[in-house]
Amino acid sequence: MPGRRKQAGSDYYRARHSFGVMYDGEQITVNADEIVPAGSPLLKQLGKEAVEEHFEPVTSFGRWDVPTASSAAAEPEPEPEPEEDPAVEQATSAPGEKRP
C-alpha cells in the first residue's frame, strides 16, 4: 500500500489505529498510537501481514528521545562544576537560630 514504511530495523511499533484482537485467550484492544516493542509476543502472534496493516515503525519519540550511543558521542560533555573553596564556611543554622 502507498505510504507504508519499511519495518526492518525498528525497535518499537506504533498502532496506526485502534483494533481488537484475541491475545493469550483474552480479547484486548490496542489503542491508536500505542507503542509495542518489536519482540513482543503480540506482534509475533499477529504475523507480518497484520503487523504491516496495523502498525508502523517508531522512528522518533519526539523531543523526549533517549540519546543513542552514536548521538551521545557527538554531544560535548558538560563543563565540570567548580569546586568550592574549603576556606569558606557553610552556614549550618536553621532559620531563626543563632549561630555561636
Protein backbone atom coordinates (compact mmCIF):
# COMPACT_ATOMS: atom_id res chain seq x y z
CA MET A 1 0.00 0.00 0.00
CA PRO A 2 1.24 3.53 -0.63
CA GLY A 3 2.53 5.41 2.38
CA ARG A 4 3.62 2.28 4.20
CA ARG A 5 7.16 2.31 5.52
CA LYS A 6 9.66 -0.50 5.61
CA GLN A 7 9.60 -2.06 9.09
CA ALA A 8 13.02 -3.67 9.24
CA GLY A 9 15.31 -2.40 11.95
CA SER A 10 12.74 -0.69 14.22
CA ASP A 11 12.79 -1.50 17.94
CA TYR A 12 9.20 -0.31 18.50
CA TYR A 13 5.98 -0.15 16.55
CA ARG A 14 3.09 2.34 16.89
CA ALA A 15 -0.50 1.28 16.24
CA ARG A 16 -1.92 3.09 13.21
CA HIS A 17 -5.48 2.81 14.59
CA SER A 18 -7.40 1.12 17.40
CA PHE A 19 -8.27 -2.54 16.90
CA GLY A 20 -9.29 -5.58 18.91
CA VAL A 21 -7.61 -8.95 18.88
CA MET A 22 -7.75 -12.22 20.79
CA TYR A 23 -4.44 -12.44 22.67
CA ASP A 24 -3.45 -15.13 25.14
CA GLY A 25 -7.08 -16.26 25.44
CA GLU A 26 -8.38 -12.76 26.15
CA GLN A 27 -9.98 -10.14 23.92
CA ILE A 28 -7.80 -6.99 24.10
CA THR A 29 -7.90 -3.59 22.48
CA VAL A 30 -4.78 -1.98 21.10
CA ASN A 31 -5.34 1.79 21.11
CA ALA A 32 -4.29 4.09 18.28
CA ASP A 33 -0.70 5.35 18.80
CA GLU A 34 0.02 2.64 21.40
CA ILE A 35 3.68 1.60 21.24
CA VAL A 36 4.66 -2.07 21.27
CA PRO A 37 8.24 -3.45 21.43
CA ALA A 38 9.37 -5.23 18.26
CA GLY A 39 9.95 -8.55 20.04
CA SER A 40 6.51 -8.56 21.67
CA PRO A 41 4.61 -11.86 21.65
CA LEU A 42 1.60 -9.86 20.42
CA LEU A 43 3.38 -8.88 17.20
CA LYS A 44 4.64 -12.44 16.73
CA GLN A 45 1.09 -13.78 17.14
CA LEU A 46 -0.34 -11.26 14.65
CA GLY A 47 2.13 -12.15 11.91
CA LYS A 48 3.93 -10.00 9.37
CA GLU A 49 0.92 -9.02 7.24
CA ALA A 50 -1.22 -7.94 10.21
CA VAL A 51 1.70 -6.03 11.75
CA GLU A 52 2.18 -4.15 8.48
CA GLU A 53 -1.55 -3.37 8.35
CA HIS A 54 -2.00 -2.25 11.96
CA PHE A 55 1.43 -0.86 12.96
CA GLU A 56 4.16 1.46 11.72
CA PRO A 57 7.77 1.57 12.90
CA VAL A 58 8.63 4.19 15.50
CA THR A 59 11.42 6.35 14.16
CA SER A 60 11.28 9.05 16.84
CA PHE A 61 9.75 9.62 20.24
CA GLY A 62 9.76 13.38 19.66
CA ARG A 63 11.70 15.75 21.83
CA TRP A 64 11.99 13.19 24.62
CA ASP A 65 14.10 10.76 22.60
CA VAL A 66 16.70 8.86 24.55
CA PRO A 67 20.15 9.54 23.08
CA THR A 68 21.79 6.61 21.37
CA ALA A 69 25.49 5.78 21.68
CA SER A 70 26.26 7.48 18.36
CA SER A 71 24.37 10.68 19.18
CA ALA A 72 25.73 10.80 22.74
CA ALA A 73 29.30 10.65 21.41
CA ALA A 74 28.64 13.67 19.19
CA GLU A 75 27.40 15.84 22.06
CA PRO A 76 30.01 17.76 24.06
CA GLU A 77 30.37 16.85 27.70
CA PRO A 78 29.15 19.46 30.18
CA GLU A 79 31.71 21.60 31.99
CA PRO A 80 32.52 20.29 35.47
CA GLU A 81 31.17 22.40 38.32
CA PRO A 82 33.83 24.48 40.06
CA GLU A 83 34.90 23.11 43.41
CA GLU A 84 34.03 25.15 46.45
CA ASP A 85 36.75 26.96 48.34
CA PRO A 86 37.40 24.98 51.56
CA ALA A 87 38.21 28.24 53.38
CA VAL A 88 34.58 29.37 53.02
CA GLU A 89 32.49 28.13 55.92
CA GLN A 90 28.95 26.98 55.21
CA ALA A 91 26.11 28.25 57.40
CA THR A 92 24.55 25.34 59.27
CA SER A 93 21.99 27.08 61.46
CA ALA A 94 18.30 26.84 60.77
CA PRO A 95 16.24 29.94 60.00
CA GLY A 96 15.76 31.95 63.21
CA GLU A 97 18.50 30.03 65.03
CA LYS A 98 21.52 31.94 66.30
CA ARG A 99 24.99 30.76 65.43
CA PRO A 100 27.55 30.58 68.27
